[in-house]
Amino acid sequence: MPLTRITLRQYEAFLAIADLHSLSAAAARLGLTASAVSQMLAELEDELGFRLFDRTTRRVELSSAGRDFLASADGVLRHVRAAEQSASDIRNRAAGIVRVGAPLVLAATALPAAIAQYATLKPKVVVRVVDIVVEQLVEQVASGDVDLAIGPDRPTGNRVHCRPAFESPWVLWCSGAHPLAARRRLRWHDLRGVPVVATGRDHERSVAQMLADVPADSRIMPVEIVDNVTTAFGLAAAGVAVTLAPAYVAPLARTFGLVMRRVTDPETIRKVGVYSPAERAPSPAASGFAEFVGEWIARWDRETQRG
């Protein structure tokens, strides 16, 4: 039986009549004439091959076959309405899954708070955090392994676009008992002879770049390079060394009891941005979260620095 010829409007007419027991009342609900509803019912019964209602002078009652068919017809419309709502949610950025990449510090501090707030605005959007080392941020976005990423400035090429979010100065983190903690501000030459631990090759290159124009006798070279920033914080907390990192690591650094000191002459700024693909259109959910998190994380940085 070619039920594909049955229209959703015919299902609606059938269910309205079954609910109201009247063709005229069903017509009023649907915004149609009684004759139009009667015609749709006749066409539906013709397609089904059985009578749906028993008509009396006062009421229209479901036939035995109509009662058997009622649940199926109601299920069709419920599924259609659910599909319509799903499409509306997706179109309006209210539903979907978003994979967001970020290096450890941002993934552990800023992103969870951003996700929690976004959930109050778009509860059907699922945001999943993917831990990514800084060196892989751009490639993960370009390859589609993540929908977007948040992290320090990196060369993007033509496949990835970066929208600036905030800027953060490179600072020194040390134990409160360290001699340098007594200084409010430091110059690079104050770090001469002080053991400095760096986090990853990206950190090492950043330190080298920021000191490129500094006189040779003021340049600082890390005595050790570790893979994870938490390891560097642990060494600094024990007083074994100090470490250099952007100021935005403050929420995590302070859990180790570390204090922050600005390093000037020169003071170097690290930029943080939101990375998105340039060669493919993001999903509505990803686009919506990207817009939200770009503004949110800039506020988060300002509040973190005040803290």
C-alpha atoms as a PDB file:
ATOM      1  CA  MET A   1       0.000   0.000   0.000  1.00  0.00           C
ATOM      2  CA  PRO A   2       1.601   3.308  -1.078  1.00  0.00           C
ATOM      3  CA  LEU A   3       1.329   5.134   2.268  1.00  0.00           C
ATOM      4  CA  THR A   4       3.961   7.591   1.089  1.00  0.00           C
ATOM      5  CA  ARG A   5       1.134   9.385  -0.714  1.00  0.00           C
ATOM      6  CA  ILE A   6      -0.465  10.225   2.647  1.00  0.00           C
ATOM      7  CA  THR A   7       0.278  13.799   3.660  1.00  0.00           C
ATOM      8  CA  LEU A   8       1.076  15.154   7.111  1.00  0.00           C
ATOM      9  CA  ARG A   9      -1.941  17.425   6.810  1.00  0.00           C
ATOM     10  CA  GLN A  10      -4.178  14.356   6.428  1.00  0.00           C
ATOM     11  CA  TYR A  11      -2.671  12.884   9.589  1.00  0.00           C
ATOM     12  CA  GLU A  12      -3.324  16.182  11.388  1.00  0.00           C
ATOM     13  CA  ALA A  13      -6.936  16.207  10.207  1.00  0.00           C
ATOM     14  CA  PHE A  14      -7.468  12.612  11.346  1.00  0.00           C
ATOM     15  CA  LEU A  15      -6.030  13.275  14.820  1.00  0.00           C
ATOM     16  CA  ALA A  16      -7.965  16.518  15.237  1.00  0.00           C
ATOM     17  CA  ILE A  17     -11.261  14.808  14.351  1.00  0.00           C
ATOM     18  CA  ALA A  18     -10.461  11.912  16.699  1.00  0.00           C
ATOM     19  CA  ASP A  19      -9.741  14.377  19.505  1.00  0.00           C
ATOM     20  CA  LEU A  20     -12.715  16.720  18.963  1.00  0.00           C
ATOM     21  CA  HIS A  21     -15.299  14.252  17.582  1.00  0.00           C
ATOM     22  CA  SER A  22     -16.382  16.890  15.075  1.00  0.00           C
ATOM     23  CA  LEU A  23     -15.340  17.811  11.544  1.00  0.00           C
ATOM     24  CA  SER A  24     -16.257  21.455  12.033  1.00  0.00           C
ATOM     25  CA  ALA A  25     -14.329  21.727  15.302  1.00  0.00           C
ATOM     26  CA  ALA A  26     -11.331  20.038  13.697  1.00  0.00           C
ATOM     27  CA  ALA A  27     -11.557  22.451  10.774  1.00  0.00           C
ATOM     28  CA  ALA A  28     -11.535  25.418  13.176  1.00  0.00           C
ATOM     29  CA  ARG A  29      -8.445  24.062  14.950  1.00  0.00           C
ATOM     30  CA  LEU A  30      -6.607  23.568  11.672  1.00  0.00           C
ATOM     31  CA  GLY A  31      -7.725  26.855  10.153  1.00  0.00           C
ATOM     32  CA  LEU A  32      -9.525  25.107   7.292  1.00  0.00           C
ATOM     33  CA  THR A  33     -13.083  24.760   6.068  1.00  0.00           C
ATOM     34  CA  ALA A  34     -15.173  21.777   7.117  1.00  0.00           C
ATOM     35  CA  SER A  35     -15.407  20.661   3.487  1.00  0.00           C
ATOM     36  CA  ALA A  36     -11.607  20.706   3.147  1.00  0.00           C
ATOM     37  CA  VAL A  37     -11.226  18.551   6.269  1.00  0.00           C
ATOM     38  CA  SER A  38     -13.925  16.189   5.032  1.00  0.00           C
ATOM     39  CA  GLN A  39     -12.109  15.845   1.714  1.00  0.00           C
ATOM     40  CA  MET A  40      -8.759  15.138   3.411  1.00  0.00           C
ATOM     41  CA  LEU A  41     -10.402  12.479   5.577  1.00  0.00           C
ATOM     42  CA  ALA A  42     -11.963  10.845   2.523  1.00  0.00           C
ATOM     43  CA  GLU A  43      -8.619  10.834   0.703  1.00  0.00           C
ATOM     44  CA  LEU A  44      -6.891   9.337   3.754  1.00  0.00           C
ATOM     45  CA  GLU A  45      -9.459   6.587   4.116  1.00  0.00           C
ATOM     46  CA  ASP A  46      -9.149   5.880   0.397  1.00  0.00           C
ATOM     47  CA  GLU A  47      -5.370   5.485   0.700  1.00  0.00           C
ATOM     48  CA  LEU A  48      -5.631   3.326   3.816  1.00  0.00           C
ATOM     49  CA  GLY A  49      -8.390   1.129   2.468  1.00  0.00           C
ATOM     50  CA  PHE A  50     -10.592   1.245   5.568  1.00  0.00           C
ATOM     51  CA  ARG A  51     -13.028   3.584   7.306  1.00  0.00           C
ATOM     52  CA  LEU A  52     -11.619   5.606  10.185  1.00  0.00           C
ATOM     53  CA  PHE A  53     -14.812   6.997  11.717  1.00  0.00           C
ATOM     54  CA  ASP A  54     -18.399   6.064  12.334  1.00  0.00           C
ATOM     55  CA  ARG A  55     -20.578   9.137  11.807  1.00  0.00           C
ATOM     56  CA  THR A  56     -23.777   9.892  13.657  1.00  0.00           C
ATOM     57  CA  THR A  57     -25.980  12.960  13.554  1.00  0.00           C
ATOM     58  CA  ARG A  58     -24.262  14.368  16.646  1.00  0.00           C
ATOM     59  CA  ARG A  59     -20.722  12.987  16.825  1.00  0.00           C
ATOM     60  CA  VAL A  60     -17.949  11.468  14.833  1.00  0.00           C
ATOM     61  CA  GLU A  61     -16.516   8.422  16.600  1.00  0.00           C
ATOM     62  CA  LEU A  62     -13.479   6.320  15.769  1.00  0.00           C
ATOM     63  CA  SER A  63     -14.218   3.053  14.067  1.00  0.00           C
ATOM     64  CA  SER A  64     -12.561  -0.132  15.303  1.00  0.00           C
ATOM     65  CA  ALA A  65      -9.931   0.195  12.551  1.00  0.00           C
ATOM     66  CA  GLY A  66      -9.542   3.888  13.365  1.00  0.00           C
ATOM     67  CA  ARG A  67      -8.750   3.062  17.004  1.00  0.00           C
ATOM     68  CA  ASP A  68      -6.122   0.574  15.867  1.00  0.00           C
ATOM     69  CA  PHE A  69      -4.547   3.144  13.537  1.00  0.00           C
ATOM     70  CA  LEU A  70      -4.636   6.076  15.990  1.00  0.00           C
ATOM     71  CA  ALA A  71      -1.365   5.327  17.824  1.00  0.00           C
ATOM     72  CA  SER A  72       0.570   4.925  14.576  1.00  0.00           C
ATOM     73  CA  ALA A  73      -0.727   8.203  13.159  1.00  0.00           C
ATOM     74  CA  ASP A  74       0.040  10.009  16.401  1.00  0.00           C
ATOM     75  CA  GLY A  75       3.551   8.543  16.393  1.00  0.00           C
ATOM     76  CA  VAL A  76       4.190   9.825  12.860  1.00  0.00           C
ATOM     77  CA  LEU A  77       3.343  13.395  13.830  1.00  0.00           C
ATOM     78  CA  ARG A  78       5.315  13.228  17.083  1.00  0.00           C
ATOM     79  CA  HIS A  79       8.421  12.118  15.163  1.00  0.00           C
ATOM     80  CA  VAL A  80       7.914  14.831  12.557  1.00  0.00           C
ATOM     81  CA  ARG A  81       7.543  17.506  15.242  1.00  0.00           C
ATOM     82  CA  ALA A  82      10.648  16.203  17.009  1.00  0.00           C
ATOM     83  CA  ALA A  83      12.547  16.430  13.713  1.00  0.00           C
ATOM     84  CA  GLU A  84      11.260  19.972  13.202  1.00  0.00           C
ATOM     85  CA  GLN A  85      12.417  20.945  16.701  1.00  0.00           C
ATOM     86  CA  SER A  86      15.804  19.335  16.132  1.00  0.00           C
ATOM     87  CA  ALA A  87      16.250  21.215  12.867  1.00  0.00           C
ATOM     88  CA  SER A  88      15.220  24.447  14.579  1.00  0.00           C
ATOM     89  CA  ASP A  89      17.707  23.854  17.405  1.00  0.00           C
ATOM     90  CA  ILE A  90      20.525  23.173  14.968  1.00  0.00           C
ATOM     91  CA  ARG A  91      19.627  26.165  12.803  1.00  0.00           C
ATOM     92  CA  ASN A  92      19.512  28.432  15.859  1.00  0.00           C
ATOM     93  CA  ARG A  93      22.772  27.022  17.318  1.00  0.00           C
ATOM     94  CA  ALA A  94      20.806  25.512  20.193  1.00  0.00           C
ATOM     95  CA  ALA A  95      21.878  21.885  19.735  1.00  0.00           C
ATOM     96  CA  GLY A  96      24.837  19.858  18.549  1.00  0.00           C
ATOM     97  CA  ILE A  97      28.260  18.627  19.605  1.00  0.00           C
ATOM     98  CA  VAL A  98      31.284  20.929  19.605  1.00  0.00           C
ATOM     99  CA  ARG A  99      34.850  19.631  20.010  1.00  0.00           C
ATOM    100  CA  VAL A 100      37.143  22.312  21.393  1.00  0.00           C
ATOM    101  CA  GLY A 101      40.909  21.880  21.559  1.00  0.00           C
ATOM    102  CA  ALA A 102      43.080  23.695  24.088  1.00  0.00           C
ATOM    103  CA  PRO A 103      46.434  23.270  25.827  1.00  0.00           C
ATOM    104  CA  LEU A 104      46.475  22.032  29.399  1.00  0.00           C
ATOM    105  CA  VAL A 105      46.149  25.285  31.341  1.00  0.00           C
ATOM    106  CA  LEU A 106      43.218  26.671  29.336  1.00  0.00           C
ATOM    107  CA  ALA A 107      41.603  23.229  29.146  1.00  0.00           C
ATOM    108  CA  ALA A 108      41.772  22.899  32.925  1.00  0.00           C
ATOM    109  CA  THR A 109      40.810  26.430  33.961  1.00  0.00           C
ATOM    110  CA  ALA A 110      39.044  28.652  31.438  1.00  0.00           C
ATOM    111  CA  LEU A 111      37.178  26.121  29.284  1.00  0.00           C
ATOM    112  CA  PRO A 112      35.281  24.281  32.046  1.00  0.00           C
ATOM    113  CA  ALA A 113      33.928  27.580  33.356  1.00  0.00           C
ATOM    114  CA  ALA A 114      33.007  28.720  29.836  1.00  0.00           C
ATOM    115  CA  ILE A 115      31.233  25.437  29.122  1.00  0.00           C
ATOM    116  CA  ALA A 116      29.276  25.640  32.367  1.00  0.00           C
ATOM    117  CA  GLN A 117      28.023  29.135  31.560  1.00  0.00           C
ATOM    118  CA  TYR A 118      27.214  28.256  27.940  1.00  0.00           C
ATOM    119  CA  ALA A 119      25.156  25.303  29.163  1.00  0.00           C
ATOM    120  CA  THR A 120      22.798  27.745  30.885  1.00  0.00           C
ATOM    121  CA  LEU A 121      22.262  29.494  27.544  1.00  0.00           C
ATOM    122  CA  LYS A 122      22.256  26.503  25.192  1.00  0.00           C
ATOM    123  CA  PRO A 123      21.564  23.382  27.272  1.00  0.00           C
ATOM    124  CA  LYS A 124      21.305  21.112  24.225  1.00  0.00           C
ATOM    125  CA  VAL A 125      24.800  21.963  22.974  1.00  0.00           C
ATOM    126  CA  VAL A 126      27.402  19.440  24.140  1.00  0.00           C
ATOM    127  CA  VAL A 127      30.915  20.909  24.310  1.00  0.00           C
ATOM    128  CA  ARG A 128      33.753  18.403  24.566  1.00  0.00           C
ATOM    129  CA  VAL A 129      37.276  19.432  25.551  1.00  0.00           C
ATOM    130  CA  VAL A 130      40.224  17.915  23.694  1.00  0.00           C
ATOM    131  CA  ASP A 131      43.676  18.312  25.272  1.00  0.00           C
ATOM    132  CA  ILE A 132      46.145  19.475  22.614  1.00  0.00           C
ATOM    133  CA  VAL A 133      49.765  20.526  22.897  1.00  0.00           C
ATOM    134  CA  VAL A 134      50.413  24.031  21.614  1.00  0.00           C
ATOM    135  CA  GLU A 135      52.372  22.788  18.602  1.00  0.00           C
ATOM    136  CA  GLN A 136      49.351  20.788  17.359  1.00  0.00           C
ATOM    137  CA  LEU A 137      46.616  23.408  17.768  1.00  0.00           C
ATOM    138  CA  VAL A 138      46.526  24.577  14.162  1.00  0.00           C
ATOM    139  CA  GLU A 139      46.885  21.127  12.612  1.00  0.00           C
ATOM    140  CA  GLN A 140      44.068  19.666  14.728  1.00  0.00           C
ATOM    141  CA  VAL A 141      41.710  22.408  13.535  1.00  0.00           C
ATOM    142  CA  ALA A 142      42.838  22.136   9.909  1.00  0.00           C
ATOM    143  CA  SER A 143      42.385  18.350   9.860  1.00  0.00           C
ATOM    144  CA  GLY A 144      38.927  18.501  11.449  1.00  0.00           C
ATOM    145  CA  ASP A 145      39.917  16.587  14.573  1.00  0.00           C
ATOM    146  CA  VAL A 146      38.428  19.492  16.530  1.00  0.00           C
ATOM    147  CA  ASP A 147      35.849  22.069  15.485  1.00  0.00           C
ATOM    148  CA  LEU A 148      37.808  24.946  16.975  1.00  0.00           C
ATOM    149  CA  ALA A 149      40.677  25.567  19.355  1.00  0.00           C
ATOM    150  CA  ILE A 150      41.748  28.143  21.902  1.00  0.00           C
ATOM    151  CA  GLY A 151      45.394  28.808  22.555  1.00  0.00           C
ATOM    152  CA  PRO A 152      48.538  30.890  22.135  1.00  0.00           C
ATOM    153  CA  ASP A 153      49.504  32.524  18.873  1.00  0.00           C
ATOM    154  CA  ARG A 154      50.736  30.120  16.212  1.00  0.00           C
ATOM    155  CA  PRO A 155      51.336  30.437  12.453  1.00  0.00           C
ATOM    156  CA  THR A 156      48.086  29.412  10.741  1.00  0.00           C
ATOM    157  CA  GLY A 157      48.731  29.383   6.999  1.00  0.00           C
ATOM    158  CA  ASN A 158      45.702  29.388   4.694  1.00  0.00           C
ATOM    159  CA  ARG A 159      43.734  26.534   6.237  1.00  0.00           C
ATOM    160  CA  VAL A 160      42.990  28.032   9.638  1.00  0.00           C
ATOM    161  CA  HIS A 161      41.741  31.426  10.776  1.00  0.00           C
ATOM    162  CA  CYS A 162      42.634  32.901  14.176  1.00  0.00           C
ATOM    163  CA  ARG A 163      40.487  35.539  15.866  1.00  0.00           C
ATOM    164  CA  PRO A 164      42.371  37.347  18.660  1.00  0.00           C
ATOM    165  CA  ALA A 165      40.832  36.956  22.113  1.00  0.00           C
ATOM    166  CA  PHE A 166      43.235  38.577  24.593  1.00  0.00           C
ATOM    167  CA  GLU A 167      46.888  39.373  25.253  1.00  0.00           C
ATOM    168  CA  SER A 168      48.849  38.197  28.271  1.00  0.00           C
ATOM    169  CA  PRO A 169      52.355  39.229  29.391  1.00  0.00           C
ATOM    170  CA  TRP A 170      55.049  36.652  29.988  1.00  0.00           C
ATOM    171  CA  VAL A 171      55.805  36.670  33.720  1.00  0.00           C
ATOM    172  CA  LEU A 172      57.938  34.848  36.229  1.00  0.00           C
ATOM    173  CA  TRP A 173      56.364  32.343  38.621  1.00  0.00           C
ATOM    174  CA  CYS A 174      58.223  31.381  41.776  1.00  0.00           C
ATOM    175  CA  SER A 175      57.759  30.210  45.330  1.00  0.00           C
ATOM    176  CA  GLY A 176      56.736  32.869  47.825  1.00  0.00           C
ATOM    177  CA  ALA A 177      59.951  32.071  49.711  1.00  0.00           C
ATOM    178  CA  HIS A 178      62.175  32.638  46.674  1.00  0.00           C
ATOM    179  CA  PRO A 179      64.397  35.755  46.854  1.00  0.00           C
ATOM    180  CA  LEU A 180      62.872  37.087  43.635  1.00  0.00           C
ATOM    181  CA  ALA A 181      59.415  37.053  45.254  1.00  0.00           C
ATOM    182  CA  ALA A 182      60.454  40.075  47.294  1.00  0.00           C
ATOM    183  CA  ARG A 183      60.756  42.138  44.120  1.00  0.00           C
ATOM    184  CA  ARG A 184      57.638  43.734  42.618  1.00  0.00           C
ATOM    185  CA  ARG A 185      59.126  43.922  39.132  1.00  0.00           C
ATOM    186  CA  LEU A 186      62.109  42.263  37.545  1.00  0.00           C
ATOM    187  CA  ARG A 187      64.449  42.898  34.664  1.00  0.00           C
ATOM    188  CA  TRP A 188      65.811  40.085  32.583  1.00  0.00           C
ATOM    189  CA  HIS A 189      69.312  40.514  33.946  1.00  0.00           C
ATOM    190  CA  ASP A 190      67.899  39.824  37.444  1.00  0.00           C
ATOM    191  CA  LEU A 191      67.401  36.225  36.326  1.00  0.00           C
ATOM    192  CA  ARG A 192      71.067  35.686  35.501  1.00  0.00           C
ATOM    193  CA  GLY A 193      72.284  32.698  37.509  1.00  0.00           C
ATOM    194  CA  VAL A 194      68.750  31.723  38.546  1.00  0.00           C
ATOM    195  CA  PRO A 195      67.699  28.194  37.484  1.00  0.00           C
ATOM    196  CA  VAL A 196      64.795  28.526  35.044  1.00  0.00           C
ATOM    197  CA  VAL A 197      62.665  25.567  33.969  1.00  0.00           C
ATOM    198  CA  ALA A 198      60.750  25.797  30.682  1.00  0.00           C
ATOM    199  CA  THR A 199      57.684  23.879  29.544  1.00  0.00           C
ATOM    200  CA  GLY A 200      58.090  22.283  26.127  1.00  0.00           C
ATOM    201  CA  ARG A 201      59.986  23.446  23.061  1.00  0.00           C
ATOM    202  CA  ASP A 202      57.338  26.060  22.329  1.00  0.00           C
ATOM    203  CA  HIS A 203      58.143  27.693  25.663  1.00  0.00           C
ATOM    204  CA  GLU A 204      61.873  27.504  24.976  1.00  0.00           C
ATOM    205  CA  ARG A 205      61.464  29.137  21.566  1.00  0.00           C
ATOM    206  CA  SER A 206      59.223  31.830  23.030  1.00  0.00           C
ATOM    207  CA  VAL A 207      61.802  32.705  25.686  1.00  0.00           C
ATOM    208  CA  ALA A 208      64.530  32.817  23.053  1.00  0.00           C
ATOM    209  CA  GLN A 209      62.408  35.019  20.798  1.00  0.00           C
ATOM    210  CA  MET A 210      61.497  37.484  23.526  1.00  0.00           C
ATOM    211  CA  LEU A 211      65.155  37.905  24.418  1.00  0.00           C
ATOM    212  CA  ALA A 212      66.464  38.171  20.866  1.00  0.00           C
ATOM    213  CA  ASP A 213      67.108  41.907  21.213  1.00  0.00           C
ATOM    214  CA  VAL A 214      68.407  41.732  24.767  1.00  0.00           C
ATOM    215  CA  PRO A 215      72.186  42.066  25.277  1.00  0.00           C
ATOM    216  CA  ALA A 216      73.962  38.739  25.407  1.00  0.00           C
ATOM    217  CA  ASP A 217      74.865  39.156  29.074  1.00  0.00           C
ATOM    218  CA  SER A 218      71.157  39.498  29.961  1.00  0.00           C
ATOM    219  CA  ARG A 219      69.829  36.541  28.004  1.00  0.00           C
ATOM    220  CA  ILE A 220      68.284  33.681  29.909  1.00  0.00           C
ATOM    221  CA  MET A 221      68.545  30.036  28.885  1.00  0.00           C
ATOM    222  CA  PRO A 222      66.426  27.383  30.639  1.00  0.00           C
ATOM    223  CA  VAL A 223      68.428  24.865  32.624  1.00  0.00           C
ATOM    224  CA  GLU A 224      65.723  22.235  32.128  1.00  0.00           C
ATOM    225  CA  ILE A 225      62.798  21.621  29.782  1.00  0.00           C
ATOM    226  CA  VAL A 226      59.791  19.570  30.930  1.00  0.00           C
ATOM    227  CA  ASP A 227      56.747  18.430  28.970  1.00  0.00           C
ATOM    228  CA  ASN A 228      53.997  19.544  31.344  1.00  0.00           C
ATOM    229  CA  VAL A 229      53.463  22.937  32.923  1.00  0.00           C
ATOM    230  CA  THR A 230      52.386  21.280  36.171  1.00  0.00           C
ATOM    231  CA  THR A 231      55.853  19.762  36.454  1.00  0.00           C
ATOM    232  CA  ALA A 232      57.409  23.196  36.053  1.00  0.00           C
ATOM    233  CA  PHE A 233      55.052  24.570  38.700  1.00  0.00           C
ATOM    234  CA  GLY A 234      55.963  21.739  41.055  1.00  0.00           C
ATOM    235  CA  LEU A 235      59.676  22.476  40.681  1.00  0.00           C
ATOM    236  CA  ALA A 236      59.044  26.183  41.229  1.00  0.00           C
ATOM    237  CA  ALA A 237      56.900  25.502  44.287  1.00  0.00           C
ATOM    238  CA  ALA A 238      59.712  23.436  45.793  1.00  0.00           C
ATOM    239  CA  GLY A 239      62.127  26.312  45.232  1.00  0.00           C
ATOM    240  CA  VAL A 240      64.258  24.225  42.885  1.00  0.00           C
ATOM    241  CA  ALA A 241      63.781  26.689  40.027  1.00  0.00           C
ATOM    242  CA  VAL A 242      61.572  29.451  38.697  1.00  0.00           C
ATOM    243  CA  THR A 243      59.520  29.254  35.539  1.00  0.00           C
ATOM    244  CA  LEU A 244      58.308  31.686  32.889  1.00  0.00           C
ATOM    245  CA  ALA A 245      54.746  31.504  31.600  1.00  0.00           C
ATOM    246  CA  PRO A 246      51.984  33.857  30.427  1.00  0.00           C
ATOM    247  CA  ALA A 247      49.999  35.541  33.181  1.00  0.00           C
ATOM    248  CA  TYR A 248      46.819  33.698  32.175  1.00  0.00           C
ATOM    249  CA  VAL A 249      48.148  30.529  33.841  1.00  0.00           C
ATOM    250  CA  ALA A 250      47.418  32.228  37.181  1.00  0.00           C
ATOM    251  CA  PRO A 251      44.435  30.030  38.242  1.00  0.00           C
ATOM    252  CA  LEU A 252      46.576  26.909  37.983  1.00  0.00           C
ATOM    253  CA  ALA A 253      49.868  28.436  39.176  1.00  0.00           C
ATOM    254  CA  ARG A 254      48.266  29.751  42.356  1.00  0.00           C
ATOM    255  CA  THR A 255      47.117  26.273  43.339  1.00  0.00           C
ATOM    256  CA  PHE A 256      50.843  25.510  43.715  1.00  0.00           C
ATOM    257  CA  GLY A 257      51.299  28.541  45.960  1.00  0.00           C
ATOM    258  CA  LEU A 258      53.300  30.396  43.312  1.00  0.00           C
ATOM    259  CA  VAL A 259      53.528  34.170  43.080  1.00  0.00           C
ATOM    260  CA  MET A 260      53.721  36.188  39.881  1.00  0.00           C
ATOM    261  CA  ARG A 261      56.298  38.845  39.110  1.00  0.00           C
ATOM    262  CA  ARG A 262      56.403  40.986  35.958  1.00  0.00           C
ATOM    263  CA  VAL A 263      59.599  40.902  33.904  1.00  0.00           C
ATOM    264  CA  THR A 264      60.324  44.098  31.959  1.00  0.00           C
ATOM    265  CA  ASP A 265      62.857  45.570  29.547  1.00  0.00           C
ATOM    266  CA  PRO A 266      61.453  44.164  27.393  1.00  0.00           C
ATOM    267  CA  GLU A 267      58.029  42.986  28.530  1.00  0.00           C
ATOM    268  CA  THR A 268      56.842  40.382  26.062  1.00  0.00           C
ATOM    269  CA  ILE A 269      53.172  39.774  25.326  1.00  0.00           C
ATOM    270  CA  ARG A 270      51.669  36.450  24.334  1.00  0.00           C
ATOM    271  CA  LYS A 271      48.512  36.579  22.240  1.00  0.00           C
ATOM    272  CA  VAL A 272      45.707  34.062  22.668  1.00  0.00           C
ATOM    273  CA  GLY A 273      43.085  33.467  20.003  1.00  0.00           C
ATOM    274  CA  VAL A 274      40.227  31.281  18.850  1.00  0.00           C
ATOM    275  CA  TYR A 275      41.215  29.080  15.905  1.00  0.00           C
ATOM    276  CA  SER A 276      38.602  27.959  13.379  1.00  0.00           C
ATOM    277  CA  PRO A 277      38.802  26.261   9.967  1.00  0.00           C
ATOM    278  CA  ALA A 278      39.144  28.550   6.957  1.00  0.00           C
ATOM    279  CA  GLU A 279      38.347  25.946   4.292  1.00  0.00           C
ATOM    280  CA  ARG A 280      35.100  24.483   5.635  1.00  0.00           C
ATOM    281  CA  ALA A 281      32.006  25.964   7.212  1.00  0.00           C
ATOM    282  CA  PRO A 282      31.647  25.215  10.930  1.00  0.00           C
ATOM    283  CA  SER A 283      28.450  23.681  12.228  1.00  0.00           C
ATOM    284  CA  PRO A 284      25.914  26.138  13.656  1.00  0.00           C
ATOM    285  CA  ALA A 285      26.680  24.830  17.153  1.00  0.00           C
ATOM    286  CA  ALA A 286      30.435  25.306  16.672  1.00  0.00           C
ATOM    287  CA  SER A 287      29.942  28.768  15.203  1.00  0.00           C
ATOM    288  CA  GLY A 288      27.752  29.801  18.127  1.00  0.00           C
ATOM    289  CA  PHE A 289      30.184  28.560  20.762  1.00  0.00           C
ATOM    290  CA  ALA A 290      33.139  30.166  18.965  1.00  0.00           C
ATOM    291  CA  GLU A 291      31.431  33.559  19.110  1.00  0.00           C
ATOM    292  CA  PHE A 292      30.544  33.076  22.759  1.00  0.00           C
ATOM    293  CA  VAL A 293      33.910  31.806  23.984  1.00  0.00           C
ATOM    294  CA  GLY A 294      35.931  34.485  22.182  1.00  0.00           C
ATOM    295  CA  GLU A 295      34.225  37.226  24.183  1.00  0.00           C
ATOM    296  CA  TRP A 296      33.894  35.154  27.351  1.00  0.00           C
ATOM    297  CA  ILE A 297      37.556  34.223  27.603  1.00  0.00           C
ATOM    298  CA  ALA A 298      38.647  37.847  27.210  1.00  0.00           C
ATOM    299  CA  ARG A 299      36.528  38.734  30.260  1.00  0.00           C
ATOM    300  CA  TRP A 300      37.885  35.704  32.081  1.00  0.00           C
ATOM    301  CA  ASP A 301      41.447  36.900  31.500  1.00  0.00           C
ATOM    302  CA  ARG A 302      40.675  40.380  32.838  1.00  0.00           C
ATOM    303  CA  GLU A 303      39.027  38.942  35.942  1.00  0.00           C
ATOM    304  CA  THR A 304      41.903  36.503  36.430  1.00  0.00           C
ATOM    305  CA  GLN A 305      44.438  39.308  36.371  1.00  0.00           C
ATOM    306  CA  ARG A 306      42.408  41.331  38.872  1.00  0.00           C
ATOM    307  CA  GLY A 307      42.309  38.258  41.059  1.00  0.00           C
END
